[in-house]
Amino acid sequence: MGSQVPRVESAIVAGAQRGDSSAQGHLYEAFAPMVYTLARRMLVSPALAEDVLQETFVEVLRKLHTLRDEAGVGFWIRRIAVNKCLMYLRSSWHSRRVQTEAIESLCPPAQTPQADHQVALESALAKLTDTARVVVWLHDVEGYTHKEIGAMMGRTTSFSKSQLARAHKRLRTLLEGESPKDGERSCTPALKTC
C-alpha cells in the first residue's frame, strides 16, 4: 500500500505480546507518528487525531495477543487507526467539534513558498466533505483500492470511485482559485486574514 509503514523487529512484537512494557513503548514510538498523521489528515482536527492515536494504541495493546503475523504489525495498526477515524466521522457530534479546530489549524505562519502550497492544499482538503477527504486520503496516500475503501465505509466500489473523482475535481477548483501568488500567504477565505 501507499504510505510508508515503519518496520520493527519481530522480537519487539513478541516482547510486546508478552506484556514487556519496553517493547510496547518501542511499538508506540515506531508507529505513533504514522497513526497521528493518518488521523490528522482524515479528521483535520489535531485534537481528534490525538484521540485516535490514544484509542488506537489502547486497542493495539489490548488485542496484540491476537496478532498472528508479526511482520504485518504496521499494517494491522494502520487498519485499526483507519477504523477509529471512520468511527469518529460517523459520530453525530464530530462535525461541530472539528469546525473551529480546523479553521484555527489551517493558517500557521508561512516561511517558504512550499509551506504556502502545503497550507493551500490542507485548506482545500479541509473544505471537502468528511467522506470525500477520507476517500482521497485512503486511496491517494494510503494506497487502498476502491473495493477496500467501499468495504470499510459500508459502501460500493463505485461509490468510492465517484467520491474520488468528485473530490479531485473539487480540489483542482479550490487550488486553482486559491493558489497564493509569490510573496502572499494562503488562508481560509472565510477568515479573510490569518
N, C-alpha and C. Protein backbone atom coordinates (compact mmCIF):
# COMPACT_ATOMS: atom_id res chain seq x y z
N MET A 1 0.83 -1.18 0.00
CA MET A 1 0.00 0.00 0.00
C MET A 1 0.87 1.24 0.00
N GLY A 2 0.25 2.39 -0.14
CA GLY A 2 0.90 3.65 -0.40
C GLY A 2 1.89 4.16 0.62
N SER A 3 1.42 4.75 1.72
CA SER A 3 2.32 5.44 2.62
C SER A 3 3.24 4.47 3.34
N GLN A 4 4.37 5.01 3.73
CA GLN A 4 5.40 4.20 4.37
C GLN A 4 4.95 3.69 5.73
N VAL A 5 5.07 2.40 5.93
CA VAL A 5 4.75 1.79 7.22
C VAL A 5 6.05 1.40 7.87
N PRO A 6 6.31 1.91 9.08
CA PRO A 6 7.56 1.55 9.77
C PRO A 6 7.65 0.04 10.00
N ARG A 7 8.86 -0.43 10.16
CA ARG A 7 9.09 -1.84 10.46
C ARG A 7 9.77 -1.95 11.82
N VAL A 8 9.41 -3.00 12.52
CA VAL A 8 10.09 -3.29 13.78
C VAL A 8 10.47 -4.77 13.77
N GLU A 9 11.45 -5.11 14.56
CA GLU A 9 11.90 -6.50 14.64
C GLU A 9 10.81 -7.36 15.26
N SER A 10 10.71 -8.59 14.80
CA SER A 10 9.68 -9.49 15.33
C SER A 10 9.89 -9.76 16.82
N ALA A 11 11.13 -9.67 17.30
CA ALA A 11 11.39 -9.87 18.73
C ALA A 11 10.71 -8.78 19.56
N ILE A 12 10.64 -7.58 19.04
CA ILE A 12 9.97 -6.49 19.75
C ILE A 12 8.47 -6.74 19.80
N VAL A 13 7.91 -7.19 18.68
CA VAL A 13 6.48 -7.51 18.65
C VAL A 13 6.19 -8.64 19.62
N ALA A 14 7.02 -9.67 19.60
CA ALA A 14 6.82 -10.81 20.52
C ALA A 14 6.92 -10.35 21.97
N GLY A 15 7.87 -9.49 22.27
CA GLY A 15 8.01 -8.97 23.63
C GLY A 15 6.79 -8.17 24.05
N ALA A 16 6.28 -7.36 23.13
CA ALA A 16 5.08 -6.56 23.42
C ALA A 16 3.89 -7.47 23.65
N GLN A 17 3.80 -8.55 22.89
CA GLN A 17 2.71 -9.50 23.08
C GLN A 17 2.77 -10.17 24.45
N ARG A 18 3.98 -10.35 24.97
CA ARG A 18 4.15 -10.95 26.30
C ARG A 18 3.92 -9.95 27.42
N GLY A 19 3.73 -8.68 27.07
CA GLY A 19 3.48 -7.65 28.09
C GLY A 19 4.71 -6.86 28.49
N ASP A 20 5.82 -7.01 27.77
CA ASP A 20 7.04 -6.26 28.07
C ASP A 20 6.79 -4.78 27.77
N SER A 21 6.79 -3.95 28.83
CA SER A 21 6.45 -2.53 28.65
C SER A 21 7.48 -1.79 27.79
N SER A 22 8.73 -2.21 27.84
CA SER A 22 9.75 -1.59 27.00
C SER A 22 9.47 -1.86 25.52
N ALA A 23 9.10 -3.09 25.19
CA ALA A 23 8.77 -3.44 23.81
C ALA A 23 7.49 -2.72 23.37
N GLN A 24 6.53 -2.60 24.27
CA GLN A 24 5.30 -1.87 23.95
C GLN A 24 5.60 -0.40 23.68
N GLY A 25 6.49 0.15 24.47
CA GLY A 25 6.91 1.54 24.26
C GLY A 25 7.60 1.72 22.92
N HIS A 26 8.40 0.73 22.54
CA HIS A 26 9.08 0.79 21.24
C HIS A 26 8.06 0.76 20.10
N LEU A 27 7.03 -0.09 20.23
CA LEU A 27 5.97 -0.13 19.21
C LEU A 27 5.31 1.23 19.09
N TYR A 28 5.00 1.82 20.24
CA TYR A 28 4.36 3.14 20.23
C TYR A 28 5.24 4.16 19.52
N GLU A 29 6.51 4.22 19.90
CA GLU A 29 7.44 5.18 19.29
C GLU A 29 7.57 4.96 17.79
N ALA A 30 7.56 3.71 17.36
CA ALA A 30 7.72 3.40 15.93
C ALA A 30 6.48 3.77 15.12
N PHE A 31 5.30 3.55 15.68
CA PHE A 31 4.07 3.69 14.89
C PHE A 31 3.21 4.91 15.22
N ALA A 32 3.46 5.59 16.32
CA ALA A 32 2.65 6.75 16.68
C ALA A 32 2.67 7.86 15.63
N PRO A 33 3.83 8.21 15.04
CA PRO A 33 3.80 9.26 14.02
C PRO A 33 2.92 8.90 12.82
N MET A 34 2.97 7.64 12.39
CA MET A 34 2.15 7.19 11.27
C MET A 34 0.67 7.31 11.62
N VAL A 35 0.29 6.87 12.81
CA VAL A 35 -1.12 6.90 13.23
C VAL A 35 -1.60 8.34 13.35
N TYR A 36 -0.79 9.19 13.96
CA TYR A 36 -1.20 10.59 14.13
C TYR A 36 -1.38 11.28 12.78
N THR A 37 -0.42 11.09 11.87
CA THR A 37 -0.51 11.71 10.55
C THR A 37 -1.75 11.23 9.80
N LEU A 38 -1.99 9.95 9.82
CA LEU A 38 -3.18 9.39 9.19
C LEU A 38 -4.45 10.03 9.76
N ALA A 39 -4.55 10.07 11.08
CA ALA A 39 -5.74 10.63 11.72
C ALA A 39 -5.86 12.13 11.48
N ARG A 40 -4.76 12.83 11.48
CA ARG A 40 -4.77 14.29 11.24
C ARG A 40 -5.27 14.60 9.85
N ARG A 41 -4.84 13.82 8.89
CA ARG A 41 -5.27 14.05 7.50
C ARG A 41 -6.73 13.65 7.29
N MET A 42 -7.15 12.57 7.90
CA MET A 42 -8.52 12.12 7.70
C MET A 42 -9.52 12.97 8.47
N LEU A 43 -9.15 13.41 9.66
CA LEU A 43 -10.10 14.10 10.53
C LEU A 43 -9.90 15.61 10.59
N VAL A 44 -8.78 16.12 10.10
CA VAL A 44 -8.41 17.52 10.10
C VAL A 44 -8.04 18.02 11.49
N SER A 45 -8.78 17.66 12.48
CA SER A 45 -8.62 18.17 13.84
C SER A 45 -7.41 17.56 14.57
N PRO A 46 -6.50 18.40 15.06
CA PRO A 46 -5.38 17.88 15.85
C PRO A 46 -5.86 17.18 17.13
N ALA A 47 -6.90 17.71 17.75
CA ALA A 47 -7.40 17.09 18.99
C ALA A 47 -7.98 15.71 18.71
N LEU A 48 -8.74 15.57 17.63
CA LEU A 48 -9.28 14.26 17.28
C LEU A 48 -8.17 13.30 16.87
N ALA A 49 -7.14 13.81 16.21
CA ALA A 49 -6.01 12.96 15.84
C ALA A 49 -5.33 12.41 17.09
N GLU A 50 -5.20 13.24 18.11
CA GLU A 50 -4.63 12.78 19.38
C GLU A 50 -5.53 11.71 20.01
N ASP A 51 -6.85 11.93 19.96
CA ASP A 51 -7.78 10.94 20.50
C ASP A 51 -7.64 9.60 19.77
N VAL A 52 -7.56 9.67 18.44
CA VAL A 52 -7.43 8.44 17.64
C VAL A 52 -6.11 7.76 17.96
N LEU A 53 -5.05 8.52 18.11
CA LEU A 53 -3.75 7.95 18.46
C LEU A 53 -3.85 7.18 19.76
N GLN A 54 -4.44 7.80 20.77
CA GLN A 54 -4.57 7.15 22.07
C GLN A 54 -5.46 5.91 21.98
N GLU A 55 -6.62 6.05 21.36
CA GLU A 55 -7.55 4.92 21.27
C GLU A 55 -6.98 3.77 20.44
N THR A 56 -6.23 4.11 19.41
CA THR A 56 -5.61 3.07 18.58
C THR A 56 -4.66 2.23 19.42
N PHE A 57 -3.81 2.89 20.20
CA PHE A 57 -2.83 2.13 20.96
C PHE A 57 -3.43 1.41 22.16
N VAL A 58 -4.52 1.92 22.68
CA VAL A 58 -5.23 1.16 23.72
C VAL A 58 -5.72 -0.15 23.11
N GLU A 59 -6.30 -0.07 21.90
CA GLU A 59 -6.78 -1.29 21.24
C GLU A 59 -5.63 -2.19 20.83
N VAL A 60 -4.55 -1.60 20.33
CA VAL A 60 -3.39 -2.40 19.93
C VAL A 60 -2.88 -3.22 21.12
N LEU A 61 -2.71 -2.57 22.26
CA LEU A 61 -2.19 -3.28 23.42
C LEU A 61 -3.18 -4.32 23.94
N ARG A 62 -4.46 -4.01 23.84
CA ARG A 62 -5.48 -4.95 24.31
C ARG A 62 -5.58 -6.19 23.40
N LYS A 63 -5.34 -6.01 22.10
CA LYS A 63 -5.54 -7.11 21.15
C LYS A 63 -4.25 -7.65 20.55
N LEU A 64 -3.12 -7.17 21.01
CA LEU A 64 -1.84 -7.58 20.43
C LEU A 64 -1.63 -9.09 20.50
N HIS A 65 -2.16 -9.72 21.53
CA HIS A 65 -2.00 -11.17 21.67
C HIS A 65 -2.70 -11.95 20.54
N THR A 66 -3.63 -11.30 19.83
CA THR A 66 -4.35 -11.98 18.74
C THR A 66 -3.60 -11.88 17.41
N LEU A 67 -2.58 -11.04 17.34
CA LEU A 67 -1.84 -10.85 16.10
C LEU A 67 -1.07 -12.11 15.75
N ARG A 68 -1.28 -12.61 14.55
CA ARG A 68 -0.60 -13.84 14.12
C ARG A 68 0.59 -13.57 13.20
N ASP A 69 0.56 -12.46 12.49
CA ASP A 69 1.62 -12.14 11.54
C ASP A 69 2.44 -10.98 12.09
N GLU A 70 3.51 -11.29 12.81
CA GLU A 70 4.31 -10.25 13.44
C GLU A 70 4.89 -9.27 12.42
N ALA A 71 5.18 -9.74 11.22
CA ALA A 71 5.74 -8.87 10.18
C ALA A 71 4.72 -7.85 9.70
N GLY A 72 3.44 -8.16 9.85
CA GLY A 72 2.38 -7.26 9.39
C GLY A 72 1.83 -6.35 10.46
N VAL A 73 2.56 -6.18 11.56
CA VAL A 73 2.06 -5.38 12.68
C VAL A 73 1.75 -3.94 12.26
N GLY A 74 2.56 -3.37 11.40
CA GLY A 74 2.34 -1.98 10.97
C GLY A 74 1.05 -1.82 10.19
N PHE A 75 0.77 -2.77 9.31
CA PHE A 75 -0.48 -2.71 8.54
C PHE A 75 -1.68 -2.95 9.44
N TRP A 76 -1.51 -3.82 10.43
CA TRP A 76 -2.57 -4.09 11.39
C TRP A 76 -2.87 -2.84 12.21
N ILE A 77 -1.84 -2.16 12.67
CA ILE A 77 -2.03 -0.93 13.44
C ILE A 77 -2.68 0.14 12.58
N ARG A 78 -2.24 0.26 11.34
CA ARG A 78 -2.83 1.26 10.44
C ARG A 78 -4.30 0.98 10.22
N ARG A 79 -4.66 -0.28 10.06
CA ARG A 79 -6.07 -0.65 9.86
C ARG A 79 -6.92 -0.27 11.07
N ILE A 80 -6.38 -0.49 12.27
CA ILE A 80 -7.10 -0.09 13.49
C ILE A 80 -7.30 1.42 13.49
N ALA A 81 -6.26 2.17 13.14
CA ALA A 81 -6.35 3.64 13.12
C ALA A 81 -7.38 4.12 12.10
N VAL A 82 -7.39 3.52 10.91
CA VAL A 82 -8.38 3.89 9.89
C VAL A 82 -9.79 3.64 10.42
N ASN A 83 -10.00 2.50 11.04
CA ASN A 83 -11.32 2.19 11.59
C ASN A 83 -11.72 3.17 12.69
N LYS A 84 -10.78 3.58 13.52
CA LYS A 84 -11.07 4.58 14.56
C LYS A 84 -11.47 5.91 13.92
N CYS A 85 -10.76 6.30 12.87
CA CYS A 85 -11.10 7.55 12.17
C CYS A 85 -12.50 7.48 11.57
N LEU A 86 -12.81 6.37 10.92
CA LEU A 86 -14.14 6.21 10.33
C LEU A 86 -15.21 6.24 11.40
N MET A 87 -14.92 5.69 12.57
CA MET A 87 -15.87 5.72 13.68
C MET A 87 -16.14 7.17 14.10
N TYR A 88 -15.09 7.98 14.20
CA TYR A 88 -15.27 9.39 14.55
C TYR A 88 -16.10 10.11 13.50
N LEU A 89 -15.82 9.82 12.23
CA LEU A 89 -16.56 10.51 11.16
C LEU A 89 -18.03 10.15 11.16
N ARG A 90 -18.37 8.97 11.64
CA ARG A 90 -19.77 8.55 11.70
C ARG A 90 -20.51 9.14 12.90
N SER A 91 -19.76 9.64 13.89
CA SER A 91 -20.42 10.13 15.10
C SER A 91 -21.13 11.46 14.83
N SER A 92 -22.24 11.68 15.51
CA SER A 92 -23.07 12.86 15.24
C SER A 92 -22.44 14.16 15.72
N TRP A 93 -21.61 14.14 16.74
CA TRP A 93 -21.04 15.38 17.27
C TRP A 93 -19.73 15.77 16.59
N HIS A 94 -19.22 14.92 15.73
CA HIS A 94 -17.92 15.15 15.11
C HIS A 94 -17.84 16.48 14.37
N SER A 95 -18.79 16.78 13.51
CA SER A 95 -18.67 17.96 12.66
C SER A 95 -18.66 19.25 13.48
N ARG A 96 -19.44 19.33 14.53
CA ARG A 96 -19.44 20.54 15.35
C ARG A 96 -18.10 20.75 16.04
N ARG A 97 -17.50 19.68 16.52
CA ARG A 97 -16.24 19.80 17.25
C ARG A 97 -15.09 20.19 16.34
N VAL A 98 -15.12 19.71 15.11
CA VAL A 98 -14.00 19.90 14.20
C VAL A 98 -13.97 21.30 13.59
N GLN A 99 -15.09 21.93 13.36
CA GLN A 99 -15.13 23.18 12.61
C GLN A 99 -14.16 24.23 13.14
N THR A 100 -14.22 24.54 14.40
CA THR A 100 -13.37 25.57 14.98
C THR A 100 -11.91 25.16 14.93
N GLU A 101 -11.61 23.93 15.29
CA GLU A 101 -10.22 23.47 15.30
C GLU A 101 -9.62 23.48 13.90
N ALA A 102 -10.42 23.11 12.91
CA ALA A 102 -9.92 23.07 11.54
C ALA A 102 -9.56 24.46 11.06
N ILE A 103 -10.39 25.44 11.34
CA ILE A 103 -10.11 26.80 10.91
C ILE A 103 -8.85 27.32 11.59
N GLU A 104 -8.72 27.06 12.89
CA GLU A 104 -7.55 27.53 13.63
C GLU A 104 -6.26 26.90 13.15
N SER A 105 -6.33 25.66 12.71
CA SER A 105 -5.10 24.95 12.34
C SER A 105 -4.65 25.19 10.92
N LEU A 106 -5.46 25.86 10.11
CA LEU A 106 -5.13 25.96 8.69
C LEU A 106 -4.23 27.13 8.33
N CYS A 107 -3.96 28.04 9.21
CA CYS A 107 -3.15 29.20 8.87
C CYS A 107 -1.93 29.36 9.77
N PRO A 108 -1.04 28.36 9.77
CA PRO A 108 0.20 28.52 10.53
C PRO A 108 1.09 29.54 9.83
N PRO A 109 2.08 30.09 10.52
CA PRO A 109 2.97 31.05 9.86
C PRO A 109 3.68 30.40 8.68
N ALA A 110 3.65 31.05 7.54
CA ALA A 110 4.30 30.51 6.34
C ALA A 110 5.71 31.06 6.24
N GLN A 111 6.64 30.18 5.89
CA GLN A 111 8.02 30.62 5.82
C GLN A 111 8.60 30.46 4.42
N THR A 112 8.02 29.61 3.61
CA THR A 112 8.54 29.38 2.27
C THR A 112 7.37 29.22 1.30
N PRO A 113 7.63 29.37 0.00
CA PRO A 113 6.56 29.12 -0.97
C PRO A 113 6.01 27.70 -0.86
N GLN A 114 6.89 26.74 -0.53
CA GLN A 114 6.43 25.36 -0.37
C GLN A 114 5.46 25.26 0.80
N ALA A 115 5.75 25.98 1.88
CA ALA A 115 4.84 25.99 3.03
C ALA A 115 3.50 26.60 2.64
N ASP A 116 3.52 27.66 1.81
CA ASP A 116 2.27 28.27 1.33
C ASP A 116 1.44 27.26 0.56
N HIS A 117 2.09 26.49 -0.30
CA HIS A 117 1.38 25.49 -1.09
C HIS A 117 0.84 24.38 -0.20
N GLN A 118 1.59 24.00 0.83
CA GLN A 118 1.12 22.99 1.78
C GLN A 118 -0.12 23.49 2.51
N VAL A 119 -0.09 24.75 2.94
CA VAL A 119 -1.24 25.34 3.62
C VAL A 119 -2.44 25.38 2.68
N ALA A 120 -2.22 25.74 1.42
CA ALA A 120 -3.31 25.77 0.44
C ALA A 120 -3.91 24.38 0.25
N LEU A 121 -3.06 23.37 0.17
CA LEU A 121 -3.55 22.01 0.00
C LEU A 121 -4.33 21.56 1.23
N GLU A 122 -3.80 21.81 2.41
CA GLU A 122 -4.52 21.43 3.63
C GLU A 122 -5.85 22.17 3.74
N SER A 123 -5.85 23.43 3.35
CA SER A 123 -7.08 24.21 3.37
C SER A 123 -8.11 23.62 2.41
N ALA A 124 -7.66 23.25 1.22
CA ALA A 124 -8.56 22.66 0.22
C ALA A 124 -9.08 21.31 0.72
N LEU A 125 -8.22 20.49 1.27
CA LEU A 125 -8.67 19.20 1.81
C LEU A 125 -9.69 19.37 2.92
N ALA A 126 -9.49 20.38 3.76
CA ALA A 126 -10.42 20.62 4.87
C ALA A 126 -11.79 21.06 4.36
N LYS A 127 -11.86 21.60 3.17
CA LYS A 127 -13.13 22.06 2.61
C LYS A 127 -13.93 20.93 1.96
N LEU A 128 -13.30 19.79 1.78
CA LEU A 128 -14.04 18.64 1.24
C LEU A 128 -14.96 18.10 2.33
N THR A 129 -15.96 17.36 1.92
CA THR A 129 -16.78 16.68 2.90
C THR A 129 -15.90 15.64 3.60
N ASP A 130 -16.31 15.22 4.78
CA ASP A 130 -15.54 14.21 5.50
C ASP A 130 -15.35 12.96 4.65
N THR A 131 -16.42 12.53 4.01
CA THR A 131 -16.36 11.31 3.19
C THR A 131 -15.38 11.47 2.05
N ALA A 132 -15.45 12.58 1.34
CA ALA A 132 -14.56 12.80 0.20
C ALA A 132 -13.11 12.86 0.66
N ARG A 133 -12.85 13.57 1.76
CA ARG A 133 -11.47 13.68 2.28
C ARG A 133 -10.92 12.31 2.65
N VAL A 134 -11.75 11.49 3.29
CA VAL A 134 -11.31 10.16 3.69
C VAL A 134 -10.99 9.31 2.47
N VAL A 135 -11.85 9.37 1.46
CA VAL A 135 -11.61 8.58 0.24
C VAL A 135 -10.32 9.04 -0.44
N VAL A 136 -10.11 10.34 -0.54
CA VAL A 136 -8.87 10.86 -1.14
C VAL A 136 -7.66 10.35 -0.36
N TRP A 137 -7.72 10.47 0.96
CA TRP A 137 -6.57 10.05 1.76
C TRP A 137 -6.32 8.55 1.65
N LEU A 138 -7.37 7.76 1.81
CA LEU A 138 -7.19 6.31 1.78
C LEU A 138 -6.71 5.84 0.41
N HIS A 139 -7.23 6.43 -0.66
CA HIS A 139 -6.85 5.98 -1.99
C HIS A 139 -5.50 6.56 -2.43
N ASP A 140 -5.38 7.88 -2.39
CA ASP A 140 -4.20 8.53 -2.96
C ASP A 140 -2.96 8.43 -2.09
N VAL A 141 -3.13 8.38 -0.78
CA VAL A 141 -1.97 8.36 0.11
C VAL A 141 -1.72 6.97 0.69
N GLU A 142 -2.77 6.38 1.24
CA GLU A 142 -2.60 5.08 1.89
C GLU A 142 -2.56 3.92 0.89
N GLY A 143 -3.09 4.14 -0.31
CA GLY A 143 -3.00 3.12 -1.34
C GLY A 143 -4.07 2.05 -1.30
N TYR A 144 -5.15 2.29 -0.58
CA TYR A 144 -6.24 1.32 -0.57
C TYR A 144 -6.95 1.32 -1.92
N THR A 145 -7.49 0.18 -2.31
CA THR A 145 -8.25 0.09 -3.56
C THR A 145 -9.66 0.61 -3.32
N HIS A 146 -10.35 0.89 -4.41
CA HIS A 146 -11.74 1.35 -4.28
C HIS A 146 -12.61 0.27 -3.62
N LYS A 147 -12.32 -0.97 -3.93
CA LYS A 147 -13.08 -2.06 -3.32
C LYS A 147 -12.88 -2.08 -1.81
N GLU A 148 -11.62 -1.93 -1.37
CA GLU A 148 -11.32 -1.92 0.07
C GLU A 148 -11.97 -0.71 0.76
N ILE A 149 -11.90 0.44 0.12
CA ILE A 149 -12.49 1.65 0.70
C ILE A 149 -14.00 1.49 0.81
N GLY A 150 -14.62 0.99 -0.25
CA GLY A 150 -16.06 0.76 -0.21
C GLY A 150 -16.44 -0.18 0.93
N ALA A 151 -15.69 -1.25 1.10
CA ALA A 151 -15.99 -2.21 2.17
C ALA A 151 -15.82 -1.57 3.55
N MET A 152 -14.76 -0.79 3.75
CA MET A 152 -14.52 -0.15 5.04
C MET A 152 -15.63 0.83 5.39
N MET A 153 -16.18 1.49 4.36
CA MET A 153 -17.19 2.51 4.59
C MET A 153 -18.61 1.97 4.48
N GLY A 154 -18.73 0.66 4.24
CA GLY A 154 -20.05 0.07 4.09
C GLY A 154 -20.75 0.51 2.82
N ARG A 155 -19.97 0.78 1.80
CA ARG A 155 -20.49 1.26 0.51
C ARG A 155 -19.96 0.38 -0.61
N THR A 156 -20.25 0.78 -1.84
CA THR A 156 -19.82 0.01 -3.00
C THR A 156 -18.50 0.55 -3.55
N THR A 157 -17.91 -0.23 -4.44
CA THR A 157 -16.70 0.19 -5.13
C THR A 157 -16.97 1.44 -5.95
N SER A 158 -18.10 1.47 -6.64
CA SER A 158 -18.42 2.63 -7.48
C SER A 158 -18.64 3.89 -6.64
N PHE A 159 -19.13 3.74 -5.42
CA PHE A 159 -19.27 4.89 -4.53
C PHE A 159 -17.90 5.51 -4.28
N SER A 160 -16.92 4.68 -3.98
CA SER A 160 -15.56 5.17 -3.73
C SER A 160 -15.02 5.87 -4.97
N LYS A 161 -15.21 5.26 -6.13
CA LYS A 161 -14.71 5.85 -7.37
C LYS A 161 -15.34 7.21 -7.64
N SER A 162 -16.64 7.31 -7.46
CA SER A 162 -17.31 8.58 -7.74
C SER A 162 -16.92 9.65 -6.73
N GLN A 163 -16.77 9.26 -5.45
CA GLN A 163 -16.33 10.22 -4.44
C GLN A 163 -14.94 10.76 -4.78
N LEU A 164 -14.05 9.87 -5.21
CA LEU A 164 -12.69 10.29 -5.55
C LEU A 164 -12.69 11.22 -6.75
N ALA A 165 -13.45 10.90 -7.77
CA ALA A 165 -13.50 11.74 -8.97
C ALA A 165 -14.02 13.14 -8.63
N ARG A 166 -15.10 13.19 -7.85
CA ARG A 166 -15.66 14.49 -7.45
C ARG A 166 -14.70 15.26 -6.55
N ALA A 167 -14.03 14.54 -5.65
CA ALA A 167 -13.09 15.20 -4.75
C ALA A 167 -11.90 15.78 -5.51
N HIS A 168 -11.38 15.04 -6.48
CA HIS A 168 -10.26 15.55 -7.28
C HIS A 168 -10.68 16.79 -8.05
N LYS A 169 -11.87 16.76 -8.60
CA LYS A 169 -12.38 17.92 -9.34
C LYS A 169 -12.51 19.12 -8.41
N ARG A 170 -13.06 18.91 -7.22
CA ARG A 170 -13.23 20.00 -6.25
C ARG A 170 -11.87 20.52 -5.79
N LEU A 171 -10.92 19.63 -5.55
CA LEU A 171 -9.59 20.07 -5.13
C LEU A 171 -8.92 20.92 -6.21
N ARG A 172 -9.05 20.49 -7.47
CA ARG A 172 -8.47 21.29 -8.56
C ARG A 172 -9.07 22.69 -8.58
N THR A 173 -10.39 22.77 -8.44
CA THR A 173 -11.07 24.06 -8.43
C THR A 173 -10.59 24.92 -7.27
N LEU A 174 -10.53 24.33 -6.09
CA LEU A 174 -10.09 25.08 -4.91
C LEU A 174 -8.64 25.54 -5.03
N LEU A 175 -7.79 24.67 -5.51
CA LEU A 175 -6.37 25.02 -5.60
C LEU A 175 -6.09 26.03 -6.70
N GLU A 176 -6.81 25.95 -7.79
CA GLU A 176 -6.63 26.93 -8.86
C GLU A 176 -7.16 28.30 -8.44
N GLY A 177 -8.24 28.31 -7.69
CA GLY A 177 -8.84 29.56 -7.25
C GLY A 177 -8.15 30.18 -6.07
N GLU A 178 -7.36 29.41 -5.32
CA GLU A 178 -6.74 29.92 -4.10
C GLU A 178 -5.23 29.84 -4.12
N SER A 179 -4.64 29.56 -5.27
CA SER A 179 -3.18 29.46 -5.30
C SER A 179 -2.57 30.78 -4.89
N PRO A 180 -1.70 30.78 -3.90
CA PRO A 180 -1.09 32.05 -3.47
C PRO A 180 -0.12 32.56 -4.51
N LYS A 181 -0.14 33.85 -4.72
CA LYS A 181 0.82 34.47 -5.63
C LYS A 181 2.14 34.60 -4.88
N ASP A 182 3.22 34.80 -5.62
CA ASP A 182 4.52 34.92 -4.98
C ASP A 182 4.48 35.99 -3.90
N GLY A 183 4.97 35.66 -2.73
CA GLY A 183 5.02 36.60 -1.63
C GLY A 183 3.74 36.68 -0.82
N GLU A 184 2.67 36.00 -1.25
CA GLU A 184 1.41 36.01 -0.50
C GLU A 184 1.25 34.72 0.25
N ARG A 185 0.49 34.78 1.34
CA ARG A 185 0.17 33.58 2.09
C ARG A 185 -1.20 33.12 1.69
N SER A 186 -1.38 31.82 1.77
CA SER A 186 -2.71 31.25 1.55
C SER A 186 -3.43 31.22 2.88
N CYS A 187 -4.76 31.46 2.82
CA CYS A 187 -5.53 31.41 4.05
C CYS A 187 -6.94 30.99 3.71
N THR A 188 -7.68 30.58 4.70
CA THR A 188 -9.06 30.19 4.50
C THR A 188 -9.86 31.43 4.14
N PRO A 189 -10.59 31.43 3.00
CA PRO A 189 -11.32 32.62 2.57
C PRO A 189 -12.29 33.14 3.63
N ALA A 190 -12.92 32.29 4.40
CA ALA A 190 -13.89 32.74 5.38
C ALA A 190 -13.25 33.60 6.46
N LEU A 191 -11.94 33.43 6.66
CA LEU A 191 -11.27 34.18 7.70
C LEU A 191 -10.79 35.55 7.22
N LYS A 192 -10.58 35.70 5.93
CA LYS A 192 -10.06 36.90 5.30
C LYS A 192 -8.61 37.20 5.69
N THR A 193 -8.26 37.01 6.94
CA THR A 193 -6.87 37.22 7.39
C THR A 193 -6.45 36.04 8.23
N CYS A 194 -5.17 35.93 8.45
CA CYS A 194 -4.66 34.83 9.29
C CYS A 194 -4.34 35.35 10.66
